[in-house]
């Protein structure tokens, strides 16, 4: 992902706390949560076979259901943390049918 020159870069820690994994990335403030989650999955799990729909994003320990928001819209500051968690027994994906 090549950032536009006008978008400020943020250093963001992408973590998977349940697996003790962390990746530090420099992302444009215009990056969506979905894009950050996809990058995090590839960087943390070292594969691209995982379905991003099986995971959700947390910021400030709160689940973020709208992954179309950008880092800037969410108010993410430099060196903050986005957690990527798998849906499991306590966290179900929204029923879509």
N, C-alpha and C. Protein backbone atom coordinates (compact mmCIF):
# COMPACT_ATOMS: atom_id res chain seq x y z
N UNK A 1 0.85 -1.17 0.00
CA UNK A 1 0.00 0.00 0.00
C UNK A 1 0.90 1.23 0.00
N UNK A 2 0.80 2.07 -1.01
CA UNK A 2 1.58 3.29 -1.10
C UNK A 2 0.71 4.46 -0.67
N UNK A 3 1.11 5.15 0.41
CA UNK A 3 0.29 6.24 0.90
C UNK A 3 0.37 7.48 0.01
N UNK A 4 -0.76 8.19 -0.14
CA UNK A 4 -0.71 9.46 -0.84
C UNK A 4 0.16 10.43 -0.06
N UNK A 5 0.84 11.32 -0.74
CA UNK A 5 1.77 12.23 -0.06
C UNK A 5 1.07 13.16 0.92
N UNK A 6 -0.21 13.43 0.73
CA UNK A 6 -0.93 14.35 1.62
C UNK A 6 -1.46 13.68 2.87
N UNK A 7 -1.51 12.35 2.91
CA UNK A 7 -2.04 11.64 4.08
C UNK A 7 -0.93 11.45 5.11
N UNK A 8 -1.15 11.93 6.35
CA UNK A 8 -0.12 11.72 7.37
C UNK A 8 0.00 10.23 7.69
N UNK A 9 1.23 9.80 8.00
CA UNK A 9 1.46 8.41 8.37
C UNK A 9 1.35 8.25 9.87
N UNK A 10 0.74 7.16 10.28
CA UNK A 10 0.62 6.81 11.70
C UNK A 10 1.35 5.50 11.93
N UNK A 11 2.11 5.44 12.99
CA UNK A 11 2.70 4.17 13.41
C UNK A 11 1.66 3.48 14.28
N UNK A 12 1.20 2.32 13.83
CA UNK A 12 0.11 1.61 14.52
C UNK A 12 0.60 0.21 14.90
N UNK A 13 0.32 -0.18 16.13
CA UNK A 13 0.63 -1.54 16.57
C UNK A 13 -0.59 -2.41 16.30
N UNK A 14 -0.43 -3.40 15.44
CA UNK A 14 -1.48 -4.37 15.15
C UNK A 14 -1.16 -5.61 15.99
N UNK A 15 -2.08 -6.00 16.86
CA UNK A 15 -1.80 -7.13 17.74
C UNK A 15 -2.91 -8.17 17.68
N UNK A 16 -2.54 -9.40 17.98
CA UNK A 16 -3.49 -10.49 18.21
C UNK A 16 -3.20 -10.97 19.63
N UNK A 17 -3.87 -10.38 20.63
CA UNK A 17 -3.54 -10.67 22.02
C UNK A 17 -3.72 -12.14 22.39
N UNK A 18 -4.66 -12.82 21.78
CA UNK A 18 -4.89 -14.23 22.11
C UNK A 18 -3.75 -15.12 21.65
N UNK A 19 -2.94 -14.62 20.70
CA UNK A 19 -1.83 -15.41 20.15
C UNK A 19 -0.47 -14.80 20.47
N UNK A 20 -0.45 -13.71 21.23
CA UNK A 20 0.79 -13.03 21.61
C UNK A 20 1.58 -12.60 20.38
N UNK A 21 0.89 -12.05 19.38
CA UNK A 21 1.54 -11.60 18.15
C UNK A 21 1.40 -10.08 18.03
N UNK A 22 2.43 -9.45 17.47
CA UNK A 22 2.41 -8.00 17.27
C UNK A 22 3.16 -7.64 16.00
N UNK A 23 2.62 -6.65 15.29
CA UNK A 23 3.27 -6.13 14.09
C UNK A 23 3.11 -4.61 14.12
N UNK A 24 4.21 -3.90 13.92
CA UNK A 24 4.16 -2.44 13.87
C UNK A 24 4.17 -2.03 12.41
N UNK A 25 3.19 -1.18 12.05
CA UNK A 25 3.05 -0.76 10.66
C UNK A 25 2.91 0.75 10.59
N UNK A 26 3.43 1.33 9.51
CA UNK A 26 3.23 2.75 9.22
C UNK A 26 2.10 2.81 8.19
N UNK A 27 0.98 3.38 8.60
CA UNK A 27 -0.21 3.42 7.74
C UNK A 27 -0.68 4.85 7.55
N UNK A 28 -1.18 5.16 6.36
CA UNK A 28 -1.79 6.48 6.16
C UNK A 28 -3.03 6.62 7.04
N UNK A 29 -3.30 7.81 7.49
CA UNK A 29 -4.48 8.07 8.31
C UNK A 29 -5.77 7.73 7.56
N UNK A 30 -5.68 7.63 6.23
CA UNK A 30 -6.85 7.32 5.40
C UNK A 30 -7.09 5.80 5.27
N UNK A 31 -6.28 4.99 5.93
CA UNK A 31 -6.45 3.53 5.90
C UNK A 31 -7.73 3.15 6.64
N UNK A 32 -8.54 2.29 6.03
CA UNK A 32 -9.76 1.83 6.72
C UNK A 32 -9.39 0.73 7.71
N UNK A 33 -10.28 0.50 8.66
CA UNK A 33 -10.07 -0.59 9.62
C UNK A 33 -10.00 -1.93 8.91
N UNK A 34 -10.81 -2.11 7.87
CA UNK A 34 -10.79 -3.35 7.11
C UNK A 34 -9.42 -3.56 6.46
N UNK A 35 -8.85 -2.51 5.88
CA UNK A 35 -7.52 -2.61 5.26
C UNK A 35 -6.46 -2.93 6.32
N UNK A 36 -6.54 -2.28 7.47
CA UNK A 36 -5.58 -2.53 8.54
C UNK A 36 -5.72 -3.97 9.04
N UNK A 37 -6.95 -4.46 9.15
CA UNK A 37 -7.18 -5.84 9.61
C UNK A 37 -6.58 -6.83 8.62
N UNK A 38 -6.80 -6.61 7.33
CA UNK A 38 -6.26 -7.51 6.30
C UNK A 38 -4.73 -7.51 6.32
N UNK A 39 -4.13 -6.33 6.43
CA UNK A 39 -2.68 -6.23 6.52
C UNK A 39 -2.18 -6.97 7.77
N UNK A 40 -2.86 -6.75 8.88
CA UNK A 40 -2.47 -7.39 10.13
C UNK A 40 -2.55 -8.91 10.05
N UNK A 41 -3.61 -9.42 9.45
CA UNK A 41 -3.74 -10.87 9.33
C UNK A 41 -2.59 -11.46 8.52
N UNK A 42 -2.26 -10.83 7.39
CA UNK A 42 -1.15 -11.32 6.56
C UNK A 42 0.18 -11.21 7.30
N UNK A 43 0.40 -10.11 7.98
CA UNK A 43 1.69 -9.86 8.64
C UNK A 43 1.84 -10.70 9.91
N UNK A 44 0.77 -10.90 10.64
CA UNK A 44 0.85 -11.63 11.91
C UNK A 44 0.82 -13.14 11.72
N UNK A 45 -0.02 -13.61 10.82
CA UNK A 45 -0.17 -15.05 10.64
C UNK A 45 0.72 -15.60 9.52
N UNK A 46 1.36 -14.69 8.78
CA UNK A 46 2.29 -15.06 7.70
C UNK A 46 1.64 -15.94 6.64
N UNK A 47 0.39 -15.63 6.34
CA UNK A 47 -0.34 -16.33 5.28
C UNK A 47 -1.51 -15.45 4.86
N UNK A 48 -2.09 -15.75 3.73
CA UNK A 48 -3.23 -14.96 3.27
C UNK A 48 -4.46 -15.83 3.02
N UNK A 49 -4.52 -16.96 3.69
CA UNK A 49 -5.63 -17.89 3.50
C UNK A 49 -6.76 -17.68 4.51
N UNK A 50 -6.54 -16.85 5.53
CA UNK A 50 -7.57 -16.62 6.54
C UNK A 50 -8.63 -15.67 6.00
N UNK A 51 -9.88 -15.98 6.28
CA UNK A 51 -10.99 -15.13 5.86
C UNK A 51 -11.11 -13.96 6.83
N UNK A 52 -10.91 -12.72 6.38
CA UNK A 52 -11.02 -11.56 7.28
C UNK A 52 -12.37 -11.47 7.98
N UNK A 53 -13.42 -12.04 7.40
CA UNK A 53 -14.74 -12.01 8.03
C UNK A 53 -14.78 -12.85 9.31
N UNK A 54 -13.78 -13.69 9.51
CA UNK A 54 -13.71 -14.50 10.73
C UNK A 54 -13.05 -13.75 11.89
N UNK A 55 -12.70 -12.49 11.66
CA UNK A 55 -11.99 -11.68 12.66
C UNK A 55 -12.67 -10.32 12.80
N UNK A 56 -12.49 -9.70 13.94
CA UNK A 56 -13.01 -8.34 14.15
C UNK A 56 -11.90 -7.49 14.76
N UNK A 57 -12.11 -6.17 14.74
CA UNK A 57 -11.11 -5.22 15.22
C UNK A 57 -11.61 -4.56 16.50
N UNK A 58 -10.68 -4.38 17.45
CA UNK A 58 -10.96 -3.64 18.67
C UNK A 58 -10.02 -2.44 18.75
N UNK A 59 -10.56 -1.33 19.25
CA UNK A 59 -9.77 -0.14 19.52
C UNK A 59 -10.19 0.36 20.88
N UNK A 60 -9.25 0.63 21.75
CA UNK A 60 -9.53 1.05 23.12
C UNK A 60 -10.44 0.03 23.81
N UNK A 61 -10.16 -1.24 23.55
CA UNK A 61 -10.86 -2.38 24.15
C UNK A 61 -12.36 -2.44 23.81
N UNK A 62 -12.73 -1.83 22.68
CA UNK A 62 -14.12 -1.88 22.23
C UNK A 62 -14.16 -2.44 20.82
N UNK A 63 -15.09 -3.34 20.58
CA UNK A 63 -15.27 -3.91 19.26
C UNK A 63 -15.83 -2.85 18.32
N UNK A 64 -15.27 -2.80 17.11
CA UNK A 64 -15.67 -1.80 16.13
C UNK A 64 -16.44 -2.48 15.01
N UNK A 65 -17.77 -2.35 15.00
CA UNK A 65 -18.56 -3.04 13.98
C UNK A 65 -18.45 -2.41 12.59
N UNK A 66 -18.10 -1.12 12.49
CA UNK A 66 -18.02 -0.45 11.19
C UNK A 66 -16.56 -0.38 10.75
N UNK A 67 -16.13 -1.37 9.98
CA UNK A 67 -14.73 -1.43 9.55
C UNK A 67 -14.45 -0.58 8.32
N UNK A 68 -15.45 0.18 7.87
CA UNK A 68 -15.22 1.10 6.75
C UNK A 68 -14.66 2.44 7.25
N UNK A 69 -14.64 2.65 8.56
CA UNK A 69 -14.08 3.88 9.12
C UNK A 69 -12.58 3.91 8.88
N UNK A 70 -12.05 5.12 8.66
CA UNK A 70 -10.61 5.28 8.53
C UNK A 70 -9.98 5.50 9.91
N UNK A 71 -8.67 5.36 9.96
CA UNK A 71 -7.97 5.61 11.22
C UNK A 71 -8.21 7.05 11.68
N UNK A 72 -8.20 7.99 10.73
CA UNK A 72 -8.44 9.40 11.06
C UNK A 72 -9.86 9.60 11.61
N UNK A 73 -10.85 9.00 10.96
CA UNK A 73 -12.24 9.15 11.42
C UNK A 73 -12.43 8.58 12.82
N UNK A 74 -11.69 7.53 13.12
CA UNK A 74 -11.79 6.90 14.44
C UNK A 74 -11.03 7.69 15.50
N UNK A 75 -10.09 8.52 15.05
CA UNK A 75 -9.29 9.32 15.99
C UNK A 75 -8.05 8.60 16.48
N UNK A 76 -7.59 7.60 15.72
CA UNK A 76 -6.38 6.87 16.09
C UNK A 76 -5.18 7.82 16.04
N UNK A 77 -4.39 7.79 17.10
CA UNK A 77 -3.18 8.61 17.18
C UNK A 77 -1.95 7.75 16.93
N UNK A 78 -0.82 8.41 16.70
CA UNK A 78 0.44 7.70 16.48
C UNK A 78 0.76 6.79 17.65
N UNK A 79 1.20 5.58 17.34
CA UNK A 79 1.65 4.57 18.30
C UNK A 79 0.52 3.93 19.11
N UNK A 80 -0.70 4.01 18.62
CA UNK A 80 -1.80 3.35 19.31
C UNK A 80 -1.96 1.92 18.80
N UNK A 81 -2.85 1.18 19.45
CA UNK A 81 -3.01 -0.25 19.21
C UNK A 81 -4.37 -0.57 18.60
N UNK A 82 -4.36 -1.43 17.57
CA UNK A 82 -5.58 -2.05 17.06
C UNK A 82 -5.44 -3.54 17.33
N UNK A 83 -6.42 -4.12 18.01
CA UNK A 83 -6.42 -5.56 18.28
C UNK A 83 -7.24 -6.27 17.23
N UNK A 84 -6.73 -7.38 16.75
CA UNK A 84 -7.44 -8.22 15.78
C UNK A 84 -7.75 -9.52 16.49
N UNK A 85 -9.03 -9.82 16.60
CA UNK A 85 -9.45 -11.01 17.35
C UNK A 85 -10.34 -11.89 16.48
N UNK A 86 -10.21 -13.18 16.69
CA UNK A 86 -11.07 -14.14 15.99
C UNK A 86 -12.42 -14.22 16.69
N UNK A 87 -13.49 -14.37 15.90
CA UNK A 87 -14.79 -14.64 16.49
C UNK A 87 -14.68 -16.01 17.16
N UNK A 88 -15.26 -16.13 18.36
CA UNK A 88 -15.22 -17.39 19.08
C UNK A 88 -16.50 -17.53 19.90
N UNK A 89 -16.47 -18.36 20.92
CA UNK A 89 -17.68 -18.62 21.70
C UNK A 89 -18.26 -17.37 22.35
N UNK A 90 -17.43 -16.41 22.70
CA UNK A 90 -17.93 -15.20 23.36
C UNK A 90 -18.19 -14.04 22.42
N UNK A 91 -17.73 -14.15 21.20
CA UNK A 91 -17.84 -13.05 20.24
C UNK A 91 -18.30 -13.62 18.90
N UNK A 92 -19.57 -13.45 18.61
CA UNK A 92 -20.13 -14.00 17.38
C UNK A 92 -20.22 -12.93 16.31
N UNK A 93 -20.01 -13.31 15.05
CA UNK A 93 -20.26 -12.33 13.98
C UNK A 93 -21.76 -12.04 13.89
N UNK A 94 -22.09 -10.87 13.42
CA UNK A 94 -23.48 -10.50 13.25
C UNK A 94 -24.17 -11.44 12.25
N UNK A 95 -25.38 -11.88 12.57
CA UNK A 95 -26.12 -12.76 11.67
C UNK A 95 -26.57 -11.96 10.47
N UNK A 96 -26.26 -12.45 9.28
CA UNK A 96 -26.59 -11.70 8.08
C UNK A 96 -27.72 -12.30 7.26
N UNK A 97 -28.43 -13.26 7.77
CA UNK A 97 -29.43 -13.91 6.94
C UNK A 97 -30.78 -13.91 7.41
